Amino acid sequence: PNTSFPNAKIFYVAFTANNKEAETRPVTFLYNGGPGSSAV
């Protein structure tokens, strides 16, 4: 955020419903813990 240079590649899996309005469709970001656990 200070330099705007790329600092990481984050792997994710997203499930998005088709034909939904983006402005009214909620989006939830999920993760496990650990520290060191993936989201599997």
ModelCIF file with pLDDT and N, C-alpha, C, O atoms, coordinates in Angstrom:
data_MODEL
#
_entry.id   MODEL 
#
_entity.id                         1 
_entity.type                       polymer 
_entity.pdbx_number_of_molecules   1 
#
_entity_poly.entity_id                      1 
_entity_poly.type                           'polypeptide(L)' 
_entity_poly.nstd_linkage                   no 
_entity_poly.nstd_monomer                   no 
_entity_poly.pdbx_seq_one_letter_code       PNTSFPNAKIFYVAFTANNKEAETRPVTFLYNGGPGSSAV 
_entity_poly.pdbx_seq_one_letter_code_can   PNTSFPNAKIFYVAFTANNKEAETRPVTFLYNGGPGSSAV 
_entity_poly.pdbx_strand_id                 A 
#
loop_
_entity_poly_seq.entity_id 
_entity_poly_seq.num 
_entity_poly_seq.mon_id 
_entity_poly_seq.hetero 
1 1  PRO n 
1 2  ASN n 
1 3  THR n 
1 4  SER n 
1 5  PHE n 
1 6  PRO n 
1 7  ASN n 
1 8  ALA n 
1 9  LYS n 
1 10 ILE n 
1 11 PHE n 
1 12 TYR n 
1 13 VAL n 
1 14 ALA n 
1 15 PHE n 
1 16 THR n 
1 17 ALA n 
1 18 ASN n 
1 19 ASN n 
1 20 LYS n 
1 21 GLU n 
1 22 ALA n 
1 23 GLU n 
1 24 THR n 
1 25 ARG n 
1 26 PRO n 
1 27 VAL n 
1 28 THR n 
1 29 PHE n 
1 30 LEU n 
1 31 TYR n 
1 32 ASN n 
1 33 GLY n 
1 34 GLY n 
1 35 PRO n 
1 36 GLY n 
1 37 SER n 
1 38 SER n 
1 39 ALA n 
1 40 VAL n 
#
_struct_asym.id          A 
_struct_asym.entity_id   1 
#
loop_
_ma_qa_metric.id 
_ma_qa_metric.mode 
_ma_qa_metric.name 
_ma_qa_metric.software_group_id 
_ma_qa_metric.type 
1 global pLDDT . pLDDT 
2 local  pLDDT . pLDDT 
#
_ma_qa_metric_global.metric_id      1 
_ma_qa_metric_global.metric_value   93.95 
_ma_qa_metric_global.model_id       1 
_ma_qa_metric_global.ordinal_id     1 
#
loop_
_ma_qa_metric_local.label_asym_id 
_ma_qa_metric_local.label_comp_id 
_ma_qa_metric_local.label_seq_id 
_ma_qa_metric_local.metric_id 
_ma_qa_metric_local.metric_value 
_ma_qa_metric_local.model_id 
_ma_qa_metric_local.ordinal_id 
A PRO 1  2 90.00 1 1  
A ASN 2  2 90.00 1 2  
A THR 3  2 92.00 1 3  
A SER 4  2 93.00 1 4  
A PHE 5  2 96.00 1 5  
A PRO 6  2 97.00 1 6  
A ASN 7  2 97.00 1 7  
A ALA 8  2 98.00 1 8  
A LYS 9  2 98.00 1 9  
A ILE 10 2 98.00 1 10 
A PHE 11 2 98.00 1 11 
A TYR 12 2 98.00 1 12 
A VAL 13 2 98.00 1 13 
A ALA 14 2 98.00 1 14 
A PHE 15 2 98.00 1 15 
A THR 16 2 97.00 1 16 
A ALA 17 2 97.00 1 17 
A ASN 18 2 95.00 1 18 
A ASN 19 2 87.00 1 19 
A LYS 20 2 83.00 1 20 
A GLU 21 2 85.00 1 21 
A ALA 22 2 77.00 1 22 
A GLU 23 2 78.00 1 23 
A THR 24 2 86.00 1 24 
A ARG 25 2 94.00 1 25 
A PRO 26 2 97.00 1 26 
A VAL 27 2 98.00 1 27 
A THR 28 2 98.00 1 28 
A PHE 29 2 98.00 1 29 
A LEU 30 2 98.00 1 30 
A TYR 31 2 98.00 1 31 
A ASN 32 2 96.00 1 32 
A GLY 33 2 95.00 1 33 
A GLY 34 2 92.00 1 34 
A PRO 35 2 96.00 1 35 
A GLY 36 2 95.00 1 36 
A SER 37 2 94.00 1 37 
A SER 38 2 95.00 1 38 
A ALA 39 2 96.00 1 39 
A VAL 40 2 94.00 1 40 
#
loop_
_atom_site.group_PDB 
_atom_site.id 
_atom_site.type_symbol 
_atom_site.label_atom_id 
_atom_site.label_alt_id 
_atom_site.label_comp_id 
_atom_site.label_asym_id 
_atom_site.label_entity_id 
_atom_site.label_seq_id 
_atom_site.pdbx_PDB_ins_code 
_atom_site.Cartn_x 
_atom_site.Cartn_y 
_atom_site.Cartn_z 
_atom_site.occupancy 
_atom_site.B_iso_or_equiv 
_atom_site.pdbx_formal_charge 
_atom_site.auth_seq_id 
_atom_site.auth_comp_id 
_atom_site.auth_asym_id 
_atom_site.auth_atom_id 
_atom_site.pdbx_PDB_model_num 
ATOM 1   N N  . PRO A 1 1  ? 0.801   -1.226  0.000   1.00 90.00 ? 1  PRO A N  1 
ATOM 2   C CA . PRO A 1 1  ? 0.000   0.000   0.000   1.00 90.00 ? 1  PRO A CA 1 
ATOM 3   C C  . PRO A 1 1  ? 0.831   1.272   0.000   1.00 90.00 ? 1  PRO A C  1 
ATOM 4   O O  . PRO A 1 1  ? 0.329   2.344   -0.339  1.00 90.00 ? 1  PRO A O  1 
ATOM 5   N N  . ASN A 1 2  ? 2.089   1.162   0.375   1.00 90.00 ? 2  ASN A N  1 
ATOM 6   C CA . ASN A 1 2  ? 2.948   2.355   0.412   1.00 90.00 ? 2  ASN A CA 1 
ATOM 7   C C  . ASN A 1 2  ? 3.645   2.618   -0.914  1.00 90.00 ? 2  ASN A C  1 
ATOM 8   O O  . ASN A 1 2  ? 3.852   3.771   -1.291  1.00 90.00 ? 2  ASN A O  1 
ATOM 9   N N  . THR A 1 3  ? 4.015   1.537   -1.634  1.00 92.00 ? 3  THR A N  1 
ATOM 10  C CA . THR A 1 3  ? 4.772   1.700   -2.878  1.00 92.00 ? 3  THR A CA 1 
ATOM 11  C C  . THR A 1 3  ? 3.951   1.378   -4.124  1.00 92.00 ? 3  THR A C  1 
ATOM 12  O O  . THR A 1 3  ? 4.318   1.777   -5.229  1.00 92.00 ? 3  THR A O  1 
ATOM 13  N N  . SER A 1 4  ? 2.844   0.657   -3.949  1.00 93.00 ? 4  SER A N  1 
ATOM 14  C CA . SER A 1 4  ? 1.997   0.180   -5.051  1.00 93.00 ? 4  SER A CA 1 
ATOM 15  C C  . SER A 1 4  ? 2.682   -0.881  -5.904  1.00 93.00 ? 4  SER A C  1 
ATOM 16  O O  . SER A 1 4  ? 2.188   -1.225  -6.977  1.00 93.00 ? 4  SER A O  1 
ATOM 17  N N  . PHE A 1 5  ? 3.815   -1.404  -5.438  1.00 96.00 ? 5  PHE A N  1 
ATOM 18  C CA . PHE A 1 5  ? 4.464   -2.500  -6.157  1.00 96.00 ? 5  PHE A CA 1 
ATOM 19  C C  . PHE A 1 5  ? 3.832   -3.828  -5.742  1.00 96.00 ? 5  PHE A C  1 
ATOM 20  O O  . PHE A 1 5  ? 3.427   -3.979  -4.589  1.00 96.00 ? 5  PHE A O  1 
ATOM 21  N N  . PRO A 1 6  ? 3.741   -4.792  -6.659  1.00 97.00 ? 6  PRO A N  1 
ATOM 22  C CA . PRO A 1 6  ? 3.194   -6.112  -6.313  1.00 97.00 ? 6  PRO A CA 1 
ATOM 23  C C  . PRO A 1 6  ? 3.985   -6.753  -5.176  1.00 97.00 ? 6  PRO A C  1 
ATOM 24  O O  . PRO A 1 6  ? 5.215   -6.693  -5.162  1.00 97.00 ? 6  PRO A O  1 
ATOM 25  N N  . ASN A 1 7  ? 3.278   -7.371  -4.219  1.00 97.00 ? 7  ASN A N  1 
ATOM 26  C CA . ASN A 1 7  ? 3.995   -7.985  -3.100  1.00 97.00 ? 7  ASN A CA 1 
ATOM 27  C C  . ASN A 1 7  ? 3.601   -9.441  -2.825  1.00 97.00 ? 7  ASN A C  1 
ATOM 28  O O  . ASN A 1 7  ? 4.307   -10.130 -2.088  1.00 97.00 ? 7  ASN A O  1 
ATOM 29  N N  . ALA A 1 8  ? 2.491   -9.926  -3.398  1.00 98.00 ? 8  ALA A N  1 
ATOM 30  C CA . ALA A 1 8  ? 2.111   -11.323 -3.152  1.00 98.00 ? 8  ALA A CA 1 
ATOM 31  C C  . ALA A 1 8  ? 1.113   -11.803 -4.192  1.00 98.00 ? 8  ALA A C  1 
ATOM 32  O O  . ALA A 1 8  ? 0.357   -11.025 -4.773  1.00 98.00 ? 8  ALA A O  1 
ATOM 33  N N  . LYS A 1 9  ? 1.138   -13.129 -4.406  1.00 98.00 ? 9  LYS A N  1 
ATOM 34  C CA . LYS A 1 9  ? 0.116   -13.792 -5.218  1.00 98.00 ? 9  LYS A CA 1 
ATOM 35  C C  . LYS A 1 9  ? -0.743  -14.613 -4.265  1.00 98.00 ? 9  LYS A C  1 
ATOM 36  O O  . LYS A 1 9  ? -0.252  -15.546 -3.629  1.00 98.00 ? 9  LYS A O  1 
ATOM 37  N N  . ILE A 1 10 ? -2.011  -14.273 -4.165  1.00 98.00 ? 10 ILE A N  1 
ATOM 38  C CA . ILE A 1 10 ? -2.912  -14.926 -3.228  1.00 98.00 ? 10 ILE A CA 1 
ATOM 39  C C  . ILE A 1 10 ? -3.848  -15.868 -3.988  1.00 98.00 ? 10 ILE A C  1 
ATOM 40  O O  . ILE A 1 10 ? -4.569  -15.451 -4.895  1.00 98.00 ? 10 ILE A O  1 
ATOM 41  N N  . PHE A 1 11 ? -3.822  -17.146 -3.600  1.00 98.00 ? 11 PHE A N  1 
ATOM 42  C CA . PHE A 1 11 ? -4.682  -18.133 -4.241  1.00 98.00 ? 11 PHE A CA 1 
ATOM 43  C C  . PHE A 1 11 ? -6.062  -18.111 -3.584  1.00 98.00 ? 11 PHE A C  1 
ATOM 44  O O  . PHE A 1 11 ? -6.177  -18.055 -2.359  1.00 98.00 ? 11 PHE A O  1 
ATOM 45  N N  . TYR A 1 12 ? -7.103  -18.157 -4.412  1.00 98.00 ? 12 TYR A N  1 
ATOM 46  C CA . TYR A 1 12 ? -8.475  -18.096 -3.886  1.00 98.00 ? 12 TYR A CA 1 
ATOM 47  C C  . TYR A 1 12 ? -9.387  -18.965 -4.739  1.00 98.00 ? 12 TYR A C  1 
ATOM 48  O O  . TYR A 1 12 ? -9.053  -19.325 -5.867  1.00 98.00 ? 12 TYR A O  1 
ATOM 49  N N  . VAL A 1 13 ? -10.525 -19.289 -4.186  1.00 98.00 ? 13 VAL A N  1 
ATOM 50  C CA . VAL A 1 13 ? -11.596 -19.963 -4.921  1.00 98.00 ? 13 VAL A CA 1 
ATOM 51  C C  . VAL A 1 13 ? -12.873 -19.184 -4.638  1.00 98.00 ? 13 VAL A C  1 
ATOM 52  O O  . VAL A 1 13 ? -13.242 -18.973 -3.483  1.00 98.00 ? 13 VAL A O  1 
ATOM 53  N N  . ALA A 1 14 ? -13.543 -18.757 -5.706  1.00 98.00 ? 14 ALA A N  1 
ATOM 54  C CA . ALA A 1 14 ? -14.763 -17.965 -5.559  1.00 98.00 ? 14 ALA A CA 1 
ATOM 55  C C  . ALA A 1 14 ? -15.937 -18.666 -6.224  1.00 98.00 ? 14 ALA A C  1 
ATOM 56  O O  . ALA A 1 14 ? -15.799 -19.260 -7.294  1.00 98.00 ? 14 ALA A O  1 
ATOM 57  N N  . PHE A 1 15 ? -17.088 -18.589 -5.578  1.00 98.00 ? 15 PHE A N  1 
ATOM 58  C CA . PHE A 1 15 ? -18.333 -19.102 -6.129  1.00 98.00 ? 15 PHE A CA 1 
ATOM 59  C C  . PHE A 1 15 ? -19.300 -17.929 -6.228  1.00 98.00 ? 15 PHE A C  1 
ATOM 60  O O  . PHE A 1 15 ? -19.693 -17.357 -5.212  1.00 98.00 ? 15 PHE A O  1 
ATOM 61  N N  . THR A 1 16 ? -19.683 -17.572 -7.449  1.00 97.00 ? 16 THR A N  1 
ATOM 62  C CA . THR A 1 16 ? -20.544 -16.415 -7.656  1.00 97.00 ? 16 THR A CA 1 
ATOM 63  C C  . THR A 1 16 ? -21.779 -16.817 -8.444  1.00 97.00 ? 16 THR A C  1 
ATOM 64  O O  . THR A 1 16 ? -21.677 -17.449 -9.496  1.00 97.00 ? 16 THR A O  1 
ATOM 65  N N  . ALA A 1 17 ? -22.952 -16.444 -7.929  1.00 97.00 ? 17 ALA A N  1 
ATOM 66  C CA . ALA A 1 17 ? -24.206 -16.758 -8.602  1.00 97.00 ? 17 ALA A CA 1 
ATOM 67  C C  . ALA A 1 17 ? -24.306 -15.957 -9.890  1.00 97.00 ? 17 ALA A C  1 
ATOM 68  O O  . ALA A 1 17 ? -23.972 -14.772 -9.910  1.00 97.00 ? 17 ALA A O  1 
ATOM 69  N N  . ASN A 1 18 ? -24.762 -16.592 -10.965 1.00 95.00 ? 18 ASN A N  1 
ATOM 70  C CA . ASN A 1 18 ? -24.905 -15.923 -12.258 1.00 95.00 ? 18 ASN A CA 1 
ATOM 71  C C  . ASN A 1 18 ? -26.164 -15.064 -12.283 1.00 95.00 ? 18 ASN A C  1 
ATOM 72  O O  . ASN A 1 18 ? -27.127 -15.312 -11.557 1.00 95.00 ? 18 ASN A O  1 
ATOM 73  N N  . ASN A 1 19 ? -26.127 -14.053 -13.135 1.00 87.00 ? 19 ASN A N  1 
ATOM 74  C CA . ASN A 1 19 ? -27.300 -13.204 -13.377 1.00 87.00 ? 19 ASN A CA 1 
ATOM 75  C C  . ASN A 1 19 ? -27.800 -12.504 -12.123 1.00 87.00 ? 19 ASN A C  1 
ATOM 76  O O  . ASN A 1 19 ? -29.006 -12.369 -11.917 1.00 87.00 ? 19 ASN A O  1 
ATOM 77  N N  . LYS A 1 20 ? -26.872 -12.062 -11.291 1.00 83.00 ? 20 LYS A N  1 
ATOM 78  C CA . LYS A 1 20 ? -27.237 -11.293 -10.102 1.00 83.00 ? 20 LYS A CA 1 
ATOM 79  C C  . LYS A 1 20 ? -26.645 -9.892  -10.207 1.00 83.00 ? 20 LYS A C  1 
ATOM 80  O O  . LYS A 1 20 ? -25.563 -9.711  -10.764 1.00 83.00 ? 20 LYS A O  1 
ATOM 81  N N  . GLU A 1 21 ? -27.345 -8.922  -9.681  1.00 85.00 ? 21 GLU A N  1 
ATOM 82  C CA . GLU A 1 21 ? -26.853 -7.553  -9.703  1.00 85.00 ? 21 GLU A CA 1 
ATOM 83  C C  . GLU A 1 21 ? -25.721 -7.385  -8.697  1.00 85.00 ? 21 GLU A C  1 
ATOM 84  O O  . GLU A 1 21 ? -25.902 -7.646  -7.508  1.00 85.00 ? 21 GLU A O  1 
ATOM 85  N N  . ALA A 1 22 ? -24.556 -6.950  -9.167  1.00 77.00 ? 22 ALA A N  1 
ATOM 86  C CA . ALA A 1 22 ? -23.381 -6.841  -8.298  1.00 77.00 ? 22 ALA A CA 1 
ATOM 87  C C  . ALA A 1 22 ? -23.597 -5.854  -7.156  1.00 77.00 ? 22 ALA A C  1 
ATOM 88  O O  . ALA A 1 22 ? -23.061 -6.041  -6.065  1.00 77.00 ? 22 ALA A O  1 
ATOM 89  N N  . GLU A 1 23 ? -24.384 -4.797  -7.402  1.00 78.00 ? 23 GLU A N  1 
ATOM 90  C CA . GLU A 1 23 ? -24.548 -3.775  -6.377  1.00 78.00 ? 23 GLU A CA 1 
ATOM 91  C C  . GLU A 1 23 ? -25.417 -4.231  -5.211  1.00 78.00 ? 23 GLU A C  1 
ATOM 92  O O  . GLU A 1 23 ? -25.319 -3.676  -4.117  1.00 78.00 ? 23 GLU A O  1 
ATOM 93  N N  . THR A 1 24 ? -26.254 -5.220  -5.425  1.00 86.00 ? 24 THR A N  1 
ATOM 94  C CA . THR A 1 24 ? -27.119 -5.689  -4.350  1.00 86.00 ? 24 THR A CA 1 
ATOM 95  C C  . THR A 1 24 ? -26.754 -7.086  -3.883  1.00 86.00 ? 24 THR A C  1 
ATOM 96  O O  . THR A 1 24 ? -27.272 -7.546  -2.865  1.00 86.00 ? 24 THR A O  1 
ATOM 97  N N  . ARG A 1 25 ? -25.891 -7.759  -4.588  1.00 94.00 ? 25 ARG A N  1 
ATOM 98  C CA . ARG A 1 25 ? -25.509 -9.128  -4.254  1.00 94.00 ? 25 ARG A CA 1 
ATOM 99  C C  . ARG A 1 25 ? -24.401 -9.113  -3.198  1.00 94.00 ? 25 ARG A C  1 
ATOM 100 O O  . ARG A 1 25 ? -23.321 -8.587  -3.465  1.00 94.00 ? 25 ARG A O  1 
ATOM 101 N N  . PRO A 1 26 ? -24.636 -9.672  -2.014  1.00 97.00 ? 26 PRO A N  1 
ATOM 102 C CA . PRO A 1 26 ? -23.598 -9.719  -0.982  1.00 97.00 ? 26 PRO A CA 1 
ATOM 103 C C  . PRO A 1 26 ? -22.409 -10.570 -1.434  1.00 97.00 ? 26 PRO A C  1 
ATOM 104 O O  . PRO A 1 26 ? -22.562 -11.495 -2.232  1.00 97.00 ? 26 PRO A O  1 
ATOM 105 N N  . VAL A 1 27 ? -21.240 -10.247 -0.918  1.00 98.00 ? 27 VAL A N  1 
ATOM 106 C CA . VAL A 1 27 ? -20.039 -11.052 -1.155  1.00 98.00 ? 27 VAL A CA 1 
ATOM 107 C C  . VAL A 1 27 ? -19.354 -11.274 0.192   1.00 98.00 ? 27 VAL A C  1 
ATOM 108 O O  . VAL A 1 27 ? -19.146 -10.335 0.960   1.00 98.00 ? 27 VAL A O  1 
ATOM 109 N N  . THR A 1 28 ? -19.008 -12.535 0.466   1.00 98.00 ? 28 THR A N  1 
ATOM 110 C CA . THR A 1 28 ? -18.404 -12.904 1.745   1.00 98.00 ? 28 THR A CA 1 
ATOM 111 C C  . THR A 1 28 ? -17.006 -13.457 1.509   1.00 98.00 ? 28 THR A C  1 
ATOM 112 O O  . THR A 1 28 ? -16.803 -14.304 0.639   1.00 98.00 ? 28 THR A O  1 
ATOM 113 N N  . PHE A 1 29 ? -16.045 -12.973 2.289   1.00 98.00 ? 29 PHE A N  1 
ATOM 114 C CA . PHE A 1 29 ? -14.660 -13.436 2.217   1.00 98.00 ? 29 PHE A CA 1 
ATOM 115 C C  . PHE A 1 29 ? -14.396 -14.356 3.402   1.00 98.00 ? 29 PHE A C  1 
ATOM 116 O O  . PHE A 1 29 ? -14.574 -13.962 4.555   1.00 98.00 ? 29 PHE A O  1 
ATOM 117 N N  . LEU A 1 30 ? -13.973 -15.579 3.112   1.00 98.00 ? 30 LEU A N  1 
ATOM 118 C CA . LEU A 1 30 ? -13.826 -16.617 4.132   1.00 98.00 ? 30 LEU A CA 1 
ATOM 119 C C  . LEU A 1 30 ? -12.387 -17.106 4.214   1.00 98.00 ? 30 LEU A C  1 
ATOM 120 O O  . LEU A 1 30 ? -11.669 -17.134 3.215   1.00 98.00 ? 30 LEU A O  1 
ATOM 121 N N  . TYR A 1 31 ? -11.973 -17.492 5.430   1.00 98.00 ? 31 TYR A N  1 
ATOM 122 C CA . TYR A 1 31 ? -10.643 -18.053 5.638   1.00 98.00 ? 31 TYR A CA 1 
ATOM 123 C C  . TYR A 1 31 ? -10.640 -18.837 6.937   1.00 98.00 ? 31 TYR A C  1 
ATOM 124 O O  . TYR A 1 31 ? -11.436 -18.586 7.842   1.00 98.00 ? 31 TYR A O  1 
ATOM 125 N N  . ASN A 1 32 ? -9.724  -19.793 7.006   1.00 96.00 ? 32 ASN A N  1 
ATOM 126 C CA . ASN A 1 32 ? -9.526  -20.551 8.235   1.00 96.00 ? 32 ASN A CA 1 
ATOM 127 C C  . ASN A 1 32 ? -8.488  -19.849 9.094   1.00 96.00 ? 32 ASN A C  1 
ATOM 128 O O  . ASN A 1 32 ? -8.308  -18.637 8.974   1.00 96.00 ? 32 ASN A O  1 
ATOM 129 N N  . GLY A 1 33 ? -7.806  -20.583 9.954   1.00 95.00 ? 33 GLY A N  1 
ATOM 130 C CA . GLY A 1 33 ? -6.932  -19.926 10.912  1.00 95.00 ? 33 GLY A CA 1 
ATOM 131 C C  . GLY A 1 33 ? -5.525  -20.455 10.922  1.00 95.00 ? 33 GLY A C  1 
ATOM 132 O O  . GLY A 1 33 ? -4.789  -20.314 9.945   1.00 95.00 ? 33 GLY A O  1 
ATOM 133 N N  . GLY A 1 34 ? -5.148  -21.066 12.027  1.00 92.00 ? 34 GLY A N  1 
ATOM 134 C CA . GLY A 1 34 ? -3.795  -21.580 12.221  1.00 92.00 ? 34 GLY A CA 1 
ATOM 135 C C  . GLY A 1 34 ? -3.052  -20.805 13.295  1.00 92.00 ? 34 GLY A C  1 
ATOM 136 O O  . GLY A 1 34 ? -3.191  -21.137 14.472  1.00 92.00 ? 34 GLY A O  1 
ATOM 137 N N  . PRO A 1 35 ? -2.274  -19.795 12.952  1.00 96.00 ? 35 PRO A N  1 
ATOM 138 C CA . PRO A 1 35 ? -1.935  -19.369 11.605  1.00 96.00 ? 35 PRO A CA 1 
ATOM 139 C C  . PRO A 1 35 ? -1.247  -20.493 10.820  1.00 96.00 ? 35 PRO A C  1 
ATOM 140 O O  . PRO A 1 35 ? -0.506  -21.297 11.385  1.00 96.00 ? 35 PRO A O  1 
ATOM 141 N N  . GLY A 1 36 ? -1.504  -20.530 9.527   1.00 95.00 ? 36 GLY A N  1 
ATOM 142 C CA . GLY A 1 36 ? -0.883  -21.515 8.662   1.00 95.00 ? 36 GLY A CA 1 
ATOM 143 C C  . GLY A 1 36 ? -1.866  -22.464 8.014   1.00 95.00 ? 36 GLY A C  1 
ATOM 144 O O  . GLY A 1 36 ? -1.461  -23.410 7.340   1.00 95.00 ? 36 GLY A O  1 
ATOM 145 N N  . SER A 1 37 ? -3.158  -22.226 8.207   1.00 94.00 ? 37 SER A N  1 
ATOM 146 C CA . SER A 1 37 ? -4.166  -23.095 7.607   1.00 94.00 ? 37 SER A CA 1 
ATOM 147 C C  . SER A 1 37 ? -4.702  -22.481 6.330   1.00 94.00 ? 37 SER A C  1 
ATOM 148 O O  . SER A 1 37 ? -4.966  -21.280 6.265   1.00 94.00 ? 37 SER A O  1 
ATOM 149 N N  . SER A 1 38 ? -4.861  -23.319 5.314   1.00 95.00 ? 38 SER A N  1 
ATOM 150 C CA . SER A 1 38 ? -5.532  -22.886 4.095   1.00 95.00 ? 38 SER A CA 1 
ATOM 151 C C  . SER A 1 38 ? -7.030  -22.809 4.353   1.00 95.00 ? 38 SER A C  1 
ATOM 152 O O  . SER A 1 38 ? -7.494  -23.093 5.457   1.00 95.00 ? 38 SER A O  1 
ATOM 153 N N  . ALA A 1 39 ? -7.776  -22.425 3.337   1.00 96.00 ? 39 ALA A N  1 
ATOM 154 C CA . ALA A 1 39 ? -9.228  -22.293 3.476   1.00 96.00 ? 39 ALA A CA 1 
ATOM 155 C C  . ALA A 1 39 ? -9.962  -23.574 3.113   1.00 96.00 ? 39 ALA A C  1 
ATOM 156 O O  . ALA A 1 39 ? -11.190 -23.572 3.024   1.00 96.00 ? 39 ALA A O  1 
ATOM 157 N N  . VAL A 1 40 ? -9.237  -24.673 2.900   1.00 94.00 ? 40 VAL A N  1 
ATOM 158 C CA . VAL A 1 40 ? -9.871  -25.895 2.419   1.00 94.00 ? 40 VAL A CA 1 
ATOM 159 C C  . VAL A 1 40 ? -10.886 -26.455 3.404   1.00 94.00 ? 40 VAL A C  1 
ATOM 160 O O  . VAL A 1 40 ? -11.502 -27.486 3.135   1.00 94.00 ? 40 VAL A O  1 
#
